[in-house]
Amino acid sequence: MAMNTDNTKAQMRKGILEYCILAVLSRNSCYAVDIINELKKAEVIVVEGTLYPLLTRQKNAGLLSYRWEESPQGPPRKYYELTELGKIYLNELDKAWEELVESVNQIRDRK
């Protein structure tokens, strides 16, 4: 009997979503739709209803700031970017991710 792994995979993705958001923003400032598109390209599917609370939480924690920019069509857009604290925090998450991958690989590779 095959197990359905979809729920487990969704939980794993959810766990790294905040990390992925910061990683996307480390390259350049983005508005929410840009972030969603970047995540979708990497098959980390996220809906706006999930993204906005995370962006707000990260902003309230001092990891992100934002600015308003006029849009060629429609209302002005809110562009998010990493703060200095956000860059330091992302650097820590990068180290933690490397350690986690290393640990999982050690366990997986034991014969």
N, C-alpha and C. Protein backbone atom coordinates (compact mmCIF):
# COMPACT_ATOMS: atom_id res chain seq x y z
N MET A 1 0.84 -1.19 0.00
CA MET A 1 0.00 0.00 0.00
C MET A 1 0.88 1.25 0.00
N ALA A 2 0.70 2.13 -0.98
CA ALA A 2 1.50 3.35 -1.08
C ALA A 2 0.95 4.42 -0.14
N MET A 3 1.85 5.07 0.54
CA MET A 3 1.46 6.17 1.43
C MET A 3 1.36 7.45 0.61
N ASN A 4 0.42 8.31 0.96
CA ASN A 4 0.33 9.61 0.30
C ASN A 4 1.26 10.57 1.04
N THR A 5 2.25 11.07 0.33
CA THR A 5 3.24 11.94 0.97
C THR A 5 2.90 13.42 0.85
N ASP A 6 1.79 13.76 0.19
CA ASP A 6 1.48 15.17 -0.07
C ASP A 6 1.42 16.01 1.20
N ASN A 7 0.76 15.51 2.24
CA ASN A 7 0.63 16.28 3.46
C ASN A 7 1.99 16.51 4.12
N THR A 8 2.80 15.47 4.17
CA THR A 8 4.13 15.59 4.77
C THR A 8 4.98 16.58 3.99
N LYS A 9 4.91 16.48 2.65
CA LYS A 9 5.68 17.41 1.82
C LYS A 9 5.21 18.84 2.04
N ALA A 10 3.89 19.03 2.15
CA ALA A 10 3.33 20.37 2.39
C ALA A 10 3.83 20.92 3.73
N GLN A 11 3.88 20.07 4.74
CA GLN A 11 4.37 20.49 6.07
C GLN A 11 5.85 20.87 6.01
N MET A 12 6.63 20.10 5.26
CA MET A 12 8.06 20.41 5.12
C MET A 12 8.25 21.77 4.44
N ARG A 13 7.47 21.99 3.38
CA ARG A 13 7.56 23.27 2.66
C ARG A 13 7.15 24.43 3.55
N LYS A 14 6.08 24.21 4.32
CA LYS A 14 5.58 25.25 5.21
C LYS A 14 6.65 25.64 6.22
N GLY A 15 7.38 24.64 6.69
CA GLY A 15 8.43 24.88 7.66
C GLY A 15 9.56 25.76 7.14
N ILE A 16 9.80 25.70 5.84
CA ILE A 16 10.90 26.50 5.28
C ILE A 16 10.42 27.73 4.52
N LEU A 17 9.12 27.99 4.57
CA LEU A 17 8.56 29.09 3.80
C LEU A 17 9.14 30.45 4.21
N GLU A 18 9.21 30.70 5.51
CA GLU A 18 9.74 31.99 5.97
C GLU A 18 11.18 32.16 5.53
N TYR A 19 11.95 31.09 5.59
CA TYR A 19 13.34 31.10 5.12
C TYR A 19 13.39 31.43 3.63
N CYS A 20 12.52 30.79 2.84
CA CYS A 20 12.48 31.02 1.39
C CYS A 20 12.11 32.46 1.06
N ILE A 21 11.18 33.04 1.80
CA ILE A 21 10.78 34.43 1.57
C ILE A 21 11.99 35.35 1.76
N LEU A 22 12.72 35.15 2.86
CA LEU A 22 13.89 35.99 3.12
C LEU A 22 14.95 35.78 2.04
N ALA A 23 15.11 34.55 1.59
CA ALA A 23 16.10 34.26 0.55
C ALA A 23 15.73 34.97 -0.75
N VAL A 24 14.46 34.97 -1.12
CA VAL A 24 14.01 35.69 -2.33
C VAL A 24 14.31 37.18 -2.18
N LEU A 25 14.01 37.74 -1.02
CA LEU A 25 14.20 39.18 -0.80
C LEU A 25 15.67 39.56 -0.66
N SER A 26 16.54 38.58 -0.44
CA SER A 26 17.97 38.90 -0.30
C SER A 26 18.57 39.32 -1.64
N ARG A 27 17.93 38.91 -2.74
CA ARG A 27 18.44 39.25 -4.07
C ARG A 27 18.06 40.67 -4.48
N ASN A 28 16.81 41.04 -4.25
CA ASN A 28 16.35 42.41 -4.51
C ASN A 28 14.98 42.61 -3.88
N SER A 29 14.58 43.86 -3.78
CA SER A 29 13.27 44.14 -3.19
C SER A 29 12.18 43.68 -4.15
N CYS A 30 11.08 43.22 -3.59
CA CYS A 30 10.00 42.63 -4.39
C CYS A 30 8.66 43.04 -3.80
N TYR A 31 7.65 42.97 -4.64
CA TYR A 31 6.30 43.06 -4.07
C TYR A 31 5.73 41.65 -4.00
N ALA A 32 4.62 41.51 -3.30
CA ALA A 32 4.13 40.18 -2.92
C ALA A 32 3.97 39.24 -4.11
N VAL A 33 3.43 39.75 -5.23
CA VAL A 33 3.21 38.88 -6.38
C VAL A 33 4.54 38.35 -6.93
N ASP A 34 5.60 39.20 -6.90
CA ASP A 34 6.94 38.75 -7.32
C ASP A 34 7.40 37.58 -6.44
N ILE A 35 7.19 37.71 -5.14
CA ILE A 35 7.62 36.68 -4.19
C ILE A 35 6.88 35.38 -4.48
N ILE A 36 5.56 35.48 -4.67
CA ILE A 36 4.75 34.29 -4.97
C ILE A 36 5.25 33.62 -6.25
N ASN A 37 5.54 34.41 -7.29
CA ASN A 37 6.01 33.85 -8.56
C ASN A 37 7.36 33.16 -8.41
N GLU A 38 8.27 33.77 -7.64
CA GLU A 38 9.57 33.15 -7.39
C GLU A 38 9.41 31.80 -6.67
N LEU A 39 8.56 31.78 -5.67
CA LEU A 39 8.32 30.55 -4.91
C LEU A 39 7.68 29.48 -5.79
N LYS A 40 6.74 29.90 -6.64
CA LYS A 40 6.09 28.94 -7.54
C LYS A 40 7.09 28.33 -8.52
N LYS A 41 8.01 29.16 -9.02
CA LYS A 41 9.04 28.65 -9.95
C LYS A 41 9.84 27.53 -9.30
N ALA A 42 10.05 27.65 -8.00
CA ALA A 42 10.81 26.64 -7.25
C ALA A 42 9.89 25.56 -6.68
N GLU A 43 8.62 25.59 -7.08
CA GLU A 43 7.62 24.62 -6.63
C GLU A 43 7.36 24.67 -5.12
N VAL A 44 7.62 25.83 -4.53
CA VAL A 44 7.19 26.07 -3.14
C VAL A 44 5.92 26.89 -3.29
N ILE A 45 4.80 26.19 -3.41
CA ILE A 45 3.54 26.85 -3.73
C ILE A 45 3.01 27.56 -2.49
N VAL A 46 2.63 28.80 -2.69
CA VAL A 46 2.08 29.58 -1.58
C VAL A 46 0.97 30.47 -2.14
N VAL A 47 -0.06 30.66 -1.35
CA VAL A 47 -1.15 31.53 -1.75
C VAL A 47 -1.03 32.86 -1.00
N GLU A 48 -1.65 33.89 -1.55
CA GLU A 48 -1.53 35.22 -0.94
C GLU A 48 -1.97 35.21 0.52
N GLY A 49 -3.02 34.43 0.82
CA GLY A 49 -3.53 34.37 2.19
C GLY A 49 -2.52 33.81 3.18
N THR A 50 -1.55 33.03 2.68
CA THR A 50 -0.46 32.51 3.53
C THR A 50 0.68 33.52 3.59
N LEU A 51 0.96 34.16 2.46
CA LEU A 51 2.14 35.03 2.37
C LEU A 51 2.00 36.30 3.20
N TYR A 52 0.86 36.98 3.09
CA TYR A 52 0.74 38.29 3.75
C TYR A 52 0.93 38.25 5.27
N PRO A 53 0.35 37.27 5.97
CA PRO A 53 0.61 37.21 7.42
C PRO A 53 2.09 36.97 7.75
N LEU A 54 2.78 36.18 6.91
CA LEU A 54 4.22 35.95 7.14
C LEU A 54 5.02 37.23 6.91
N LEU A 55 4.69 37.96 5.84
CA LEU A 55 5.38 39.23 5.57
C LEU A 55 5.16 40.21 6.73
N THR A 56 3.93 40.27 7.22
CA THR A 56 3.62 41.17 8.34
C THR A 56 4.41 40.77 9.59
N ARG A 57 4.46 39.46 9.86
CA ARG A 57 5.20 38.99 11.02
C ARG A 57 6.69 39.32 10.90
N GLN A 58 7.24 39.11 9.70
CA GLN A 58 8.67 39.40 9.49
C GLN A 58 8.94 40.91 9.59
N LYS A 59 8.00 41.71 9.11
CA LYS A 59 8.16 43.16 9.20
C LYS A 59 8.10 43.59 10.67
N ASN A 60 7.14 43.04 11.42
CA ASN A 60 7.01 43.38 12.84
C ASN A 60 8.22 42.94 13.65
N ALA A 61 8.89 41.88 13.19
CA ALA A 61 10.09 41.40 13.87
C ALA A 61 11.33 42.21 13.47
N GLY A 62 11.15 43.17 12.56
CA GLY A 62 12.26 44.02 12.15
C GLY A 62 13.14 43.42 11.06
N LEU A 63 12.68 42.32 10.44
CA LEU A 63 13.49 41.64 9.41
C LEU A 63 13.29 42.27 8.03
N LEU A 64 12.13 42.89 7.83
CA LEU A 64 11.78 43.50 6.54
C LEU A 64 11.35 44.94 6.74
N SER A 65 11.55 45.72 5.70
CA SER A 65 10.91 47.03 5.62
C SER A 65 10.20 47.08 4.28
N TYR A 66 9.42 48.11 4.06
CA TYR A 66 8.77 48.22 2.75
C TYR A 66 8.67 49.68 2.36
N ARG A 67 8.47 49.88 1.06
CA ARG A 67 8.21 51.21 0.52
C ARG A 67 7.09 51.08 -0.51
N TRP A 68 6.37 52.16 -0.73
CA TRP A 68 5.31 52.17 -1.74
C TRP A 68 5.88 52.68 -3.04
N GLU A 69 5.50 52.03 -4.14
CA GLU A 69 5.90 52.50 -5.47
C GLU A 69 4.69 52.55 -6.37
N GLU A 70 4.65 53.59 -7.18
CA GLU A 70 3.56 53.69 -8.16
C GLU A 70 3.62 52.51 -9.10
N SER A 71 2.45 52.06 -9.53
CA SER A 71 2.36 50.93 -10.44
C SER A 71 1.91 51.43 -11.81
N PRO A 72 2.46 50.85 -12.90
CA PRO A 72 2.00 51.26 -14.23
C PRO A 72 0.50 51.02 -14.42
N GLN A 73 0.00 49.96 -13.78
CA GLN A 73 -1.45 49.74 -13.82
C GLN A 73 -1.93 49.43 -12.40
N GLY A 74 -3.01 50.06 -12.03
CA GLY A 74 -3.59 49.78 -10.71
C GLY A 74 -2.97 50.62 -9.61
N PRO A 75 -3.29 50.25 -8.36
CA PRO A 75 -2.84 51.04 -7.20
C PRO A 75 -1.34 50.89 -6.95
N PRO A 76 -0.76 51.77 -6.10
CA PRO A 76 0.66 51.63 -5.76
C PRO A 76 0.95 50.26 -5.14
N ARG A 77 2.18 49.82 -5.30
CA ARG A 77 2.58 48.50 -4.79
C ARG A 77 3.54 48.66 -3.62
N LYS A 78 3.40 47.72 -2.68
CA LYS A 78 4.27 47.70 -1.50
C LYS A 78 5.46 46.79 -1.82
N TYR A 79 6.65 47.38 -1.88
CA TYR A 79 7.88 46.61 -2.14
C TYR A 79 8.60 46.32 -0.83
N TYR A 80 8.87 45.04 -0.59
CA TYR A 80 9.54 44.60 0.64
C TYR A 80 11.03 44.45 0.39
N GLU A 81 11.83 44.71 1.43
CA GLU A 81 13.27 44.44 1.35
C GLU A 81 13.79 44.06 2.73
N LEU A 82 14.92 43.37 2.74
CA LEU A 82 15.53 42.97 4.00
C LEU A 82 16.13 44.18 4.70
N THR A 83 15.98 44.22 6.00
CA THR A 83 16.69 45.21 6.82
C THR A 83 18.06 44.62 7.15
N GLU A 84 18.89 45.41 7.81
CA GLU A 84 20.20 44.87 8.26
C GLU A 84 19.99 43.67 9.17
N LEU A 85 19.01 43.79 10.07
CA LEU A 85 18.68 42.68 10.97
C LEU A 85 18.23 41.46 10.17
N GLY A 86 17.43 41.70 9.13
CA GLY A 86 16.97 40.62 8.27
C GLY A 86 18.12 39.90 7.58
N LYS A 87 19.14 40.66 7.16
CA LYS A 87 20.32 40.06 6.51
C LYS A 87 21.09 39.17 7.49
N ILE A 88 21.24 39.66 8.72
CA ILE A 88 21.93 38.88 9.76
C ILE A 88 21.14 37.61 10.07
N TYR A 89 19.82 37.77 10.21
CA TYR A 89 18.92 36.64 10.51
C TYR A 89 18.99 35.60 9.39
N LEU A 90 18.96 36.05 8.14
CA LEU A 90 19.04 35.13 7.00
C LEU A 90 20.37 34.38 7.00
N ASN A 91 21.44 35.08 7.33
CA ASN A 91 22.75 34.45 7.42
C ASN A 91 22.75 33.32 8.45
N GLU A 92 22.09 33.56 9.59
CA GLU A 92 21.96 32.52 10.62
C GLU A 92 21.13 31.34 10.11
N LEU A 93 20.04 31.65 9.38
CA LEU A 93 19.21 30.58 8.83
C LEU A 93 19.97 29.78 7.78
N ASP A 94 20.82 30.46 6.99
CA ASP A 94 21.64 29.74 6.01
C ASP A 94 22.51 28.70 6.71
N LYS A 95 23.16 29.12 7.80
CA LYS A 95 24.01 28.18 8.56
C LYS A 95 23.18 27.03 9.13
N ALA A 96 22.02 27.36 9.70
CA ALA A 96 21.15 26.34 10.28
C ALA A 96 20.68 25.36 9.20
N TRP A 97 20.36 25.87 8.01
CA TRP A 97 19.92 25.02 6.90
C TRP A 97 21.04 24.05 6.51
N GLU A 98 22.26 24.57 6.35
CA GLU A 98 23.41 23.73 5.98
C GLU A 98 23.60 22.61 7.01
N GLU A 99 23.52 22.97 8.28
CA GLU A 99 23.68 21.98 9.36
C GLU A 99 22.58 20.93 9.30
N LEU A 100 21.35 21.37 9.06
CA LEU A 100 20.21 20.46 8.99
C LEU A 100 20.35 19.48 7.83
N VAL A 101 20.71 20.00 6.66
CA VAL A 101 20.90 19.15 5.48
C VAL A 101 22.02 18.14 5.75
N GLU A 102 23.10 18.60 6.34
CA GLU A 102 24.22 17.72 6.69
C GLU A 102 23.78 16.61 7.64
N SER A 103 23.01 16.99 8.66
CA SER A 103 22.52 16.01 9.64
C SER A 103 21.62 14.97 8.99
N VAL A 104 20.67 15.44 8.16
CA VAL A 104 19.74 14.52 7.49
C VAL A 104 20.53 13.58 6.56
N ASN A 105 21.48 14.15 5.83
CA ASN A 105 22.28 13.32 4.93
C ASN A 105 23.09 12.27 5.69
N GLN A 106 23.62 12.64 6.84
CA GLN A 106 24.36 11.66 7.65
C GLN A 106 23.46 10.50 8.05
N ILE A 107 22.26 10.84 8.48
CA ILE A 107 21.31 9.79 8.90
C ILE A 107 20.90 8.94 7.70
N ARG A 108 20.61 9.58 6.58
CA ARG A 108 20.19 8.86 5.36
C ARG A 108 21.29 7.96 4.82
N ASP A 109 22.54 8.40 4.94
CA ASP A 109 23.66 7.67 4.33
C ASP A 109 24.18 6.51 5.18
N ARG A 110 23.73 6.42 6.44
CA ARG A 110 24.19 5.32 7.29
C ARG A 110 23.61 4.02 6.77
N LYS A 111 24.48 3.07 6.55
CA LYS A 111 24.01 1.76 6.06
C LYS A 111 24.00 0.75 7.21
